Amino acid sequence: MKNGKIYLYLIITYILMHVSSIFVTKGLLVYYPWNEDFVELDMAYRASSWSLFTVNSIAAIIFLMLIVPKKNFFHVFKGKKSSISNSILWGFIGFFLALGGQMLAGAIESAIGITPGSDNTAILSDIAKVSPIIIVCMVLFAPFLEEIVFRRVIFGGVYQKTNFWIAATVSALVFAAVHNEFEHLLMYMMPAFVFAYLYYRTKRILTPMIAHLLMNSFVVILNLNIEKIQQWQEEMKPVIIFFLN
């Protein structure tokens, strides 16, 4: 099978994954066993998380079935690939680069009057508190599926026809648009550029996957513990004031 067809099948699978999750959620809401301890919102959250887990699992299997038989699927760049150890190291470095990029994007957005904070992240964090299975989707499935689609298929495909900057810009714009928060376009584009650079530098898709995994893990941990962090900040205020005085 030619790469062009694989690209098409992967993108179609990715789109169907998102569309089908809506219908699976509706089905689960109808058949989910009622429990007096559940409120309606909790039921919706549980249905959403399990539907995402189900369709993500199926999509991941389809991705592997399409990719594994194609031995040269990841042959995008000329030159020797980085070693596995170096690629993993750059994955960790990339996490901090992506984090710094998002902080810069957040500062720019605040400066131009855009309210900080992602609705997507807030909703997913609320769902995770009720149904933790969604964390698997956020931390494992999302980095795998999104890096294949946005870095290998879109960035890699465009790069082979143009150059790094055009390919990185196109993939970053599509990556940001898919998350459907256009007011925070910059917040999504910054890490997308970093992930593209990591893939370009090491020539291994493993590297941006690691950085993406670490980024999502950090966001999940931060949002699930936000109240504890805020409480700790309040407790530390007197200590900071004491030393400043």
C-alpha atoms as a PDB file:
ATOM      1  CA  MET A   1       0.000   0.000   0.000  1.00  0.00           C
ATOM      2  CA  LYS A   2       1.354   3.426  -0.951  1.00  0.00           C
ATOM      3  CA  ASN A   3       1.965   6.048   1.726  1.00  0.00           C
ATOM      4  CA  GLY A   4      -0.689   8.330   0.227  1.00  0.00           C
ATOM      5  CA  LYS A   5      -3.404   5.754   0.867  1.00  0.00           C
ATOM      6  CA  ILE A   6      -2.110   5.098   4.377  1.00  0.00           C
ATOM      7  CA  TYR A   7      -2.202   8.845   5.089  1.00  0.00           C
ATOM      8  CA  LEU A   8      -5.817   8.972   3.922  1.00  0.00           C
ATOM      9  CA  TYR A   9      -6.872   5.949   5.966  1.00  0.00           C
ATOM     10  CA  LEU A  10      -5.160   7.284   9.085  1.00  0.00           C
ATOM     11  CA  ILE A  11      -6.819  10.692   8.784  1.00  0.00           C
ATOM     12  CA  ILE A  12     -10.237   9.124   8.102  1.00  0.00           C
ATOM     13  CA  THR A  13      -9.785   6.852  11.127  1.00  0.00           C
ATOM     14  CA  TYR A  14      -8.838   9.839  13.282  1.00  0.00           C
ATOM     15  CA  ILE A  15     -11.896  11.826  12.142  1.00  0.00           C
ATOM     16  CA  LEU A  16     -14.242   8.853  12.594  1.00  0.00           C
ATOM     17  CA  MET A  17     -12.797   8.312  16.068  1.00  0.00           C
ATOM     18  CA  HIS A  18     -13.949  11.774  17.149  1.00  0.00           C
ATOM     19  CA  VAL A  19     -17.320  11.583  15.400  1.00  0.00           C
ATOM     20  CA  SER A  20     -18.154   8.078  16.644  1.00  0.00           C
ATOM     21  CA  SER A  21     -17.330   8.983  20.252  1.00  0.00           C
ATOM     22  CA  ILE A  22     -20.382  11.289  20.224  1.00  0.00           C
ATOM     23  CA  PHE A  23     -22.707   8.435  19.248  1.00  0.00           C
ATOM     24  CA  VAL A  24     -21.080   5.989  21.659  1.00  0.00           C
ATOM     25  CA  THR A  25     -21.537   8.522  24.464  1.00  0.00           C
ATOM     26  CA  LYS A  26     -25.244   8.857  23.671  1.00  0.00           C
ATOM     27  CA  GLY A  27     -25.602   5.072  23.671  1.00  0.00           C
ATOM     28  CA  LEU A  28     -23.853   4.721  27.009  1.00  0.00           C
ATOM     29  CA  LEU A  29     -26.065   7.408  28.530  1.00  0.00           C
ATOM     30  CA  VAL A  30     -29.122   5.373  27.536  1.00  0.00           C
ATOM     31  CA  TYR A  31     -27.860   2.003  28.782  1.00  0.00           C
ATOM     32  CA  TYR A  32     -25.604   3.060  31.670  1.00  0.00           C
ATOM     33  CA  PRO A  33     -26.956   1.487  34.903  1.00  0.00           C
ATOM     34  CA  TRP A  34     -28.607   4.087  37.107  1.00  0.00           C
ATOM     35  CA  ASN A  35     -27.213   4.650  40.565  1.00  0.00           C
ATOM     36  CA  GLU A  36     -28.788   7.012  43.070  1.00  0.00           C
ATOM     37  CA  ASP A  37     -25.346   8.361  43.959  1.00  0.00           C
ATOM     38  CA  PHE A  38     -24.799   9.598  40.404  1.00  0.00           C
ATOM     39  CA  VAL A  39     -25.995  12.955  39.269  1.00  0.00           C
ATOM     40  CA  GLU A  40     -26.811  13.428  35.607  1.00  0.00           C
ATOM     41  CA  LEU A  41     -23.561  15.287  34.944  1.00  0.00           C
ATOM     42  CA  ASP A  42     -21.550  12.459  36.479  1.00  0.00           C
ATOM     43  CA  MET A  43     -23.323   9.981  34.223  1.00  0.00           C
ATOM     44  CA  ALA A  44     -22.516  12.110  31.191  1.00  0.00           C
ATOM     45  CA  TYR A  45     -18.873  12.328  32.257  1.00  0.00           C
ATOM     46  CA  ARG A  46     -18.624   8.561  32.767  1.00  0.00           C
ATOM     47  CA  ALA A  47     -20.257   7.892  29.415  1.00  0.00           C
ATOM     48  CA  SER A  48     -17.927  10.369  27.689  1.00  0.00           C
ATOM     49  CA  SER A  49     -14.794   8.912  29.253  1.00  0.00           C
ATOM     50  CA  TRP A  50     -15.654   5.313  28.398  1.00  0.00           C
ATOM     51  CA  SER A  51     -16.710   6.213  24.872  1.00  0.00           C
ATOM     52  CA  LEU A  52     -13.399   8.019  24.334  1.00  0.00           C
ATOM     53  CA  PHE A  53     -11.485   5.075  25.762  1.00  0.00           C
ATOM     54  CA  THR A  54     -13.363   2.654  23.499  1.00  0.00           C
ATOM     55  CA  VAL A  55     -12.953   4.570  20.238  1.00  0.00           C
ATOM     56  CA  ASN A  56      -9.346   5.519  21.075  1.00  0.00           C
ATOM     57  CA  SER A  57      -8.506   1.856  21.630  1.00  0.00           C
ATOM     58  CA  ILE A  58     -10.060   0.869  18.313  1.00  0.00           C
ATOM     59  CA  ALA A  59      -8.319   3.734  16.498  1.00  0.00           C
ATOM     60  CA  ALA A  60      -4.942   2.770  17.999  1.00  0.00           C
ATOM     61  CA  ILE A  61      -5.380  -0.822  16.798  1.00  0.00           C
ATOM     62  CA  ILE A  62      -6.295   0.357  13.284  1.00  0.00           C
ATOM     63  CA  PHE A  63      -3.295   2.712  13.251  1.00  0.00           C
ATOM     64  CA  LEU A  64      -0.961  -0.145  14.153  1.00  0.00           C
ATOM     65  CA  MET A  65      -2.520  -2.429  11.525  1.00  0.00           C
ATOM     66  CA  LEU A  66      -1.887   0.227   8.875  1.00  0.00           C
ATOM     67  CA  ILE A  67       1.595   1.260  10.010  1.00  0.00           C
ATOM     68  CA  VAL A  68       3.367  -1.919  11.152  1.00  0.00           C
ATOM     69  CA  PRO A  69       3.303  -3.740   7.760  1.00  0.00           C
ATOM     70  CA  LYS A  70       4.734  -0.637   6.050  1.00  0.00           C
ATOM     71  CA  LYS A  71       8.437  -0.871   6.909  1.00  0.00           C
ATOM     72  CA  ASN A  72       9.417   2.459   5.333  1.00  0.00           C
ATOM     73  CA  PHE A  73       6.475   4.434   6.753  1.00  0.00           C
ATOM     74  CA  PHE A  74       8.719   6.441   9.070  1.00  0.00           C
ATOM     75  CA  HIS A  75      11.433   7.104   6.473  1.00  0.00           C
ATOM     76  CA  VAL A  76      10.790  10.824   6.075  1.00  0.00           C
ATOM     77  CA  PHE A  77      14.142  12.556   6.540  1.00  0.00           C
ATOM     78  CA  LYS A  78      17.526  12.021   4.970  1.00  0.00           C
ATOM     79  CA  GLY A  79      20.413  11.076   7.214  1.00  0.00           C
ATOM     80  CA  LYS A  80      20.885   8.825  10.205  1.00  0.00           C
ATOM     81  CA  LYS A  81      18.311   8.637  12.968  1.00  0.00           C
ATOM     82  CA  SER A  82      19.323   9.560  16.515  1.00  0.00           C
ATOM     83  CA  SER A  83      19.954   6.700  18.906  1.00  0.00           C
ATOM     84  CA  ILE A  84      17.073   5.531  21.078  1.00  0.00           C
ATOM     85  CA  SER A  85      18.729   6.918  24.220  1.00  0.00           C
ATOM     86  CA  ASN A  86      19.350  10.313  22.592  1.00  0.00           C
ATOM     87  CA  SER A  87      15.796  10.368  21.244  1.00  0.00           C
ATOM     88  CA  ILE A  88      14.399   9.700  24.732  1.00  0.00           C
ATOM     89  CA  LEU A  89      16.623  12.433  26.177  1.00  0.00           C
ATOM     90  CA  TRP A  90      15.336  14.899  23.600  1.00  0.00           C
ATOM     91  CA  GLY A  91      11.806  13.841  24.478  1.00  0.00           C
ATOM     92  CA  PHE A  92      12.400  15.083  28.035  1.00  0.00           C
ATOM     93  CA  ILE A  93      14.129  18.237  26.788  1.00  0.00           C
ATOM     94  CA  GLY A  94      11.234  18.782  24.408  1.00  0.00           C
ATOM     95  CA  PHE A  95       8.773  18.661  27.290  1.00  0.00           C
ATOM     96  CA  PHE A  96      10.450  21.661  28.912  1.00  0.00           C
ATOM     97  CA  LEU A  97      10.687  23.450  25.551  1.00  0.00           C
ATOM     98  CA  ALA A  98       6.971  22.881  24.918  1.00  0.00           C
ATOM     99  CA  LEU A  99       6.143  23.997  28.451  1.00  0.00           C
ATOM    100  CA  GLY A 100       8.203  27.156  27.967  1.00  0.00           C
ATOM    101  CA  GLY A 101       6.490  27.755  24.638  1.00  0.00           C
ATOM    102  CA  GLN A 102       3.064  27.525  26.235  1.00  0.00           C
ATOM    103  CA  MET A 103       4.114  29.888  29.023  1.00  0.00           C
ATOM    104  CA  LEU A 104       5.286  32.391  26.408  1.00  0.00           C
ATOM    105  CA  ALA A 105       2.044  31.945  24.469  1.00  0.00           C
ATOM    106  CA  GLY A 106       0.062  32.471  27.675  1.00  0.00           C
ATOM    107  CA  ALA A 107       1.947  35.699  28.398  1.00  0.00           C
ATOM    108  CA  ILE A 108       1.300  36.972  24.861  1.00  0.00           C
ATOM    109  CA  GLU A 109      -2.399  36.088  25.071  1.00  0.00           C
ATOM    110  CA  SER A 110      -2.729  37.852  28.434  1.00  0.00           C
ATOM    111  CA  ALA A 111      -0.981  40.921  27.021  1.00  0.00           C
ATOM    112  CA  ILE A 112      -3.518  41.187  24.196  1.00  0.00           C
ATOM    113  CA  GLY A 113      -6.494  40.647  26.494  1.00  0.00           C
ATOM    114  CA  ILE A 114      -7.296  36.955  25.979  1.00  0.00           C
ATOM    115  CA  THR A 115      -8.548  35.267  29.139  1.00  0.00           C
ATOM    116  CA  PRO A 116      -6.101  32.532  30.189  1.00  0.00           C
ATOM    117  CA  GLY A 117      -7.212  28.939  30.635  1.00  0.00           C
ATOM    118  CA  SER A 118      -8.448  26.218  28.306  1.00  0.00           C
ATOM    119  CA  ASP A 119     -12.087  25.104  28.370  1.00  0.00           C
ATOM    120  CA  ASN A 120     -11.044  21.758  26.877  1.00  0.00           C
ATOM    121  CA  THR A 121      -8.538  21.127  29.654  1.00  0.00           C
ATOM    122  CA  ALA A 122     -11.001  22.195  32.346  1.00  0.00           C
ATOM    123  CA  ILE A 123     -13.722  19.863  31.040  1.00  0.00           C
ATOM    124  CA  LEU A 124     -11.339  16.912  30.667  1.00  0.00           C
ATOM    125  CA  SER A 125     -10.032  17.499  34.192  1.00  0.00           C
ATOM    126  CA  ASP A 126     -13.588  17.502  35.564  1.00  0.00           C
ATOM    127  CA  ILE A 127     -14.302  14.253  33.720  1.00  0.00           C
ATOM    128  CA  ALA A 128     -11.073  12.704  35.053  1.00  0.00           C
ATOM    129  CA  LYS A 129     -12.160  13.405  38.639  1.00  0.00           C
ATOM    130  CA  VAL A 130     -15.353  11.408  38.054  1.00  0.00           C
ATOM    131  CA  SER A 131     -14.047   8.752  35.657  1.00  0.00           C
ATOM    132  CA  PRO A 132     -10.227   8.392  35.722  1.00  0.00           C
ATOM    133  CA  ILE A 133     -10.188   6.069  32.691  1.00  0.00           C
ATOM    134  CA  ILE A 134     -10.077   9.182  30.513  1.00  0.00           C
ATOM    135  CA  ILE A 135      -6.559   9.832  31.823  1.00  0.00           C
ATOM    136  CA  VAL A 136      -5.409   6.853  29.725  1.00  0.00           C
ATOM    137  CA  CYS A 137      -6.791   8.620  26.642  1.00  0.00           C
ATOM    138  CA  MET A 138      -5.114  11.911  27.531  1.00  0.00           C
ATOM    139  CA  VAL A 139      -1.722  10.519  28.535  1.00  0.00           C
ATOM    140  CA  LEU A 140      -1.273   7.490  26.246  1.00  0.00           C
ATOM    141  CA  PHE A 141      -3.682   7.475  23.313  1.00  0.00           C
ATOM    142  CA  ALA A 142      -3.584  11.213  22.507  1.00  0.00           C
ATOM    143  CA  PRO A 143       0.232  11.435  22.167  1.00  0.00           C
ATOM    144  CA  PHE A 144       0.325   8.282  20.028  1.00  0.00           C
ATOM    145  CA  LEU A 145      -2.588   9.069  17.712  1.00  0.00           C
ATOM    146  CA  GLU A 146      -1.950  12.804  17.406  1.00  0.00           C
ATOM    147  CA  GLU A 147       1.772  12.476  16.729  1.00  0.00           C
ATOM    148  CA  ILE A 148       1.100   9.943  13.986  1.00  0.00           C
ATOM    149  CA  VAL A 149      -1.504  12.204  12.349  1.00  0.00           C
ATOM    150  CA  PHE A 150      -0.038  15.666  12.899  1.00  0.00           C
ATOM    151  CA  ARG A 151       3.696  14.977  12.894  1.00  0.00           C
ATOM    152  CA  ARG A 152       4.162  11.925  10.673  1.00  0.00           C
ATOM    153  CA  VAL A 153       1.280  12.321   8.228  1.00  0.00           C
ATOM    154  CA  ILE A 154       0.780  16.102   7.983  1.00  0.00           C
ATOM    155  CA  PHE A 155       4.194  17.492   8.952  1.00  0.00           C
ATOM    156  CA  GLY A 156       6.118  14.623   7.348  1.00  0.00           C
ATOM    157  CA  GLY A 157       3.991  14.617   4.212  1.00  0.00           C
ATOM    158  CA  VAL A 158       4.213  18.377   3.676  1.00  0.00           C
ATOM    159  CA  TYR A 159       7.929  18.412   4.563  1.00  0.00           C
ATOM    160  CA  GLN A 160       8.701  15.946   1.767  1.00  0.00           C
ATOM    161  CA  LYS A 161       7.139  18.397  -0.700  1.00  0.00           C
ATOM    162  CA  THR A 162       8.329  21.705   0.789  1.00  0.00           C
ATOM    163  CA  ASN A 163      10.556  22.508   3.787  1.00  0.00           C
ATOM    164  CA  PHE A 164      10.607  22.443   7.590  1.00  0.00           C
ATOM    165  CA  TRP A 165       9.004  25.842   8.219  1.00  0.00           C
ATOM    166  CA  ILE A 166       6.078  25.393   5.861  1.00  0.00           C
ATOM    167  CA  ALA A 167       5.460  21.851   7.114  1.00  0.00           C
ATOM    168  CA  ALA A 168       5.727  22.873  10.775  1.00  0.00           C
ATOM    169  CA  THR A 169       3.367  25.827  10.265  1.00  0.00           C
ATOM    170  CA  VAL A 170       0.755  23.762   8.421  1.00  0.00           C
ATOM    171  CA  SER A 171       0.827  20.939  10.975  1.00  0.00           C
ATOM    172  CA  ALA A 172       0.737  23.402  13.892  1.00  0.00           C
ATOM    173  CA  LEU A 173      -2.259  25.264  12.446  1.00  0.00           C
ATOM    174  CA  VAL A 174      -4.185  22.046  11.830  1.00  0.00           C
ATOM    175  CA  PHE A 175      -3.237  20.749  15.287  1.00  0.00           C
ATOM    176  CA  ALA A 176      -4.507  23.968  16.884  1.00  0.00           C
ATOM    177  CA  ALA A 177      -7.682  24.079  14.782  1.00  0.00           C
ATOM    178  CA  VAL A 178      -8.647  20.501  15.643  1.00  0.00           C
ATOM    179  CA  HIS A 179      -8.666  21.397  19.342  1.00  0.00           C
ATOM    180  CA  ASN A 180     -11.376  23.960  18.509  1.00  0.00           C
ATOM    181  CA  GLU A 181     -10.177  26.771  20.759  1.00  0.00           C
ATOM    182  CA  PHE A 182      -9.307  29.438  18.235  1.00  0.00           C
ATOM    183  CA  GLU A 183      -8.818  32.128  20.870  1.00  0.00           C
ATOM    184  CA  HIS A 184      -5.968  29.985  22.214  1.00  0.00           C
ATOM    185  CA  LEU A 185      -4.484  29.212  18.801  1.00  0.00           C
ATOM    186  CA  LEU A 186      -1.018  30.278  19.948  1.00  0.00           C
ATOM    187  CA  MET A 187      -1.179  28.025  23.022  1.00  0.00           C
ATOM    188  CA  TYR A 188      -1.566  24.974  20.791  1.00  0.00           C
ATOM    189  CA  MET A 189       0.775  26.097  18.028  1.00  0.00           C
ATOM    190  CA  MET A 190       3.777  26.617  20.320  1.00  0.00           C
ATOM    191  CA  PRO A 191       4.079  22.996  21.486  1.00  0.00           C
ATOM    192  CA  ALA A 192       3.160  21.813  17.978  1.00  0.00           C
ATOM    193  CA  PHE A 193       6.217  23.634  16.608  1.00  0.00           C
ATOM    194  CA  VAL A 194       8.354  22.057  19.332  1.00  0.00           C
ATOM    195  CA  PHE A 195       7.033  18.574  18.543  1.00  0.00           C
ATOM    196  CA  ALA A 196       7.752  19.098  14.835  1.00  0.00           C
ATOM    197  CA  TYR A 197      11.295  20.230  15.643  1.00  0.00           C
ATOM    198  CA  LEU A 198      11.879  17.181  17.855  1.00  0.00           C
ATOM    199  CA  TYR A 199      10.749  14.869  15.068  1.00  0.00           C
ATOM    200  CA  TYR A 200      12.912  16.712  12.544  1.00  0.00           C
ATOM    201  CA  ARG A 201      15.966  16.722  14.809  1.00  0.00           C
ATOM    202  CA  THR A 202      15.962  13.079  15.916  1.00  0.00           C
ATOM    203  CA  LYS A 203      14.139  11.648  12.889  1.00  0.00           C
ATOM    204  CA  ARG A 204      12.189   9.449  15.306  1.00  0.00           C
ATOM    205  CA  ILE A 205       8.457   9.856  16.015  1.00  0.00           C
ATOM    206  CA  LEU A 206       9.185   8.433  19.471  1.00  0.00           C
ATOM    207  CA  THR A 207      10.680  11.771  20.558  1.00  0.00           C
ATOM    208  CA  PRO A 208       7.640  14.036  20.084  1.00  0.00           C
ATOM    209  CA  MET A 209       5.460  11.248  21.480  1.00  0.00           C
ATOM    210  CA  ILE A 210       7.477  11.294  24.718  1.00  0.00           C
ATOM    211  CA  ALA A 211       7.371  15.093  24.951  1.00  0.00           C
ATOM    212  CA  HIS A 212       3.624  15.069  24.224  1.00  0.00           C
ATOM    213  CA  LEU A 213       3.041  12.345  26.831  1.00  0.00           C
ATOM    214  CA  LEU A 214       4.977  14.287  29.472  1.00  0.00           C
ATOM    215  CA  MET A 215       3.163  17.502  28.577  1.00  0.00           C
ATOM    216  CA  ASN A 216      -0.278  15.923  28.909  1.00  0.00           C
ATOM    217  CA  SER A 217       0.742  14.120  32.115  1.00  0.00           C
ATOM    218  CA  PHE A 218       1.918  17.402  33.615  1.00  0.00           C
ATOM    219  CA  VAL A 219      -1.359  19.127  32.720  1.00  0.00           C
ATOM    220  CA  VAL A 220      -3.414  16.263  34.185  1.00  0.00           C
ATOM    221  CA  ILE A 221      -1.451  16.209  37.453  1.00  0.00           C
ATOM    222  CA  LEU A 222      -1.580  19.999  37.726  1.00  0.00           C
ATOM    223  CA  ASN A 223      -5.328  20.244  37.156  1.00  0.00           C
ATOM    224  CA  LEU A 224      -6.239  17.320  39.400  1.00  0.00           C
ATOM    225  CA  ASN A 225      -4.277  18.891  42.241  1.00  0.00           C
ATOM    226  CA  ILE A 226      -5.065  22.554  41.593  1.00  0.00           C
ATOM    227  CA  GLU A 227      -6.942  22.987  44.892  1.00  0.00           C
ATOM    228  CA  LYS A 228      -4.044  21.518  46.884  1.00  0.00           C
ATOM    229  CA  ILE A 229      -1.598  23.749  45.018  1.00  0.00           C
ATOM    230  CA  GLN A 230      -3.705  26.838  45.726  1.00  0.00           C
ATOM    231  CA  GLN A 231      -3.964  25.840  49.395  1.00  0.00           C
ATOM    232  CA  TRP A 232      -0.194  25.381  49.573  1.00  0.00           C
ATOM    233  CA  GLN A 233       0.305  28.817  47.996  1.00  0.00           C
ATOM    234  CA  GLU A 234      -1.953  30.375  50.636  1.00  0.00           C
ATOM    235  CA  GLU A 235      -0.036  28.607  53.406  1.00  0.00           C
ATOM    236  CA  MET A 236       3.281  29.802  51.986  1.00  0.00           C
ATOM    237  CA  LYS A 237       2.239  33.468  51.742  1.00  0.00           C
ATOM    238  CA  PRO A 238       3.104  34.307  55.394  1.00  0.00           C
ATOM    239  CA  VAL A 239       6.498  32.613  55.004  1.00  0.00           C
ATOM    240  CA  ILE A 240       7.280  34.573  51.826  1.00  0.00           C
ATOM    241  CA  ILE A 241       6.140  37.852  53.406  1.00  0.00           C
ATOM    242  CA  PHE A 242       8.302  37.128  56.482  1.00  0.00           C
ATOM    243  CA  PHE A 243      11.455  36.649  54.399  1.00  0.00           C
ATOM    244  CA  LEU A 244      10.692  39.648  52.175  1.00  0.00           C
ATOM    245  CA  ASN A 245      10.353  41.839  55.230  1.00  0.00           C
END
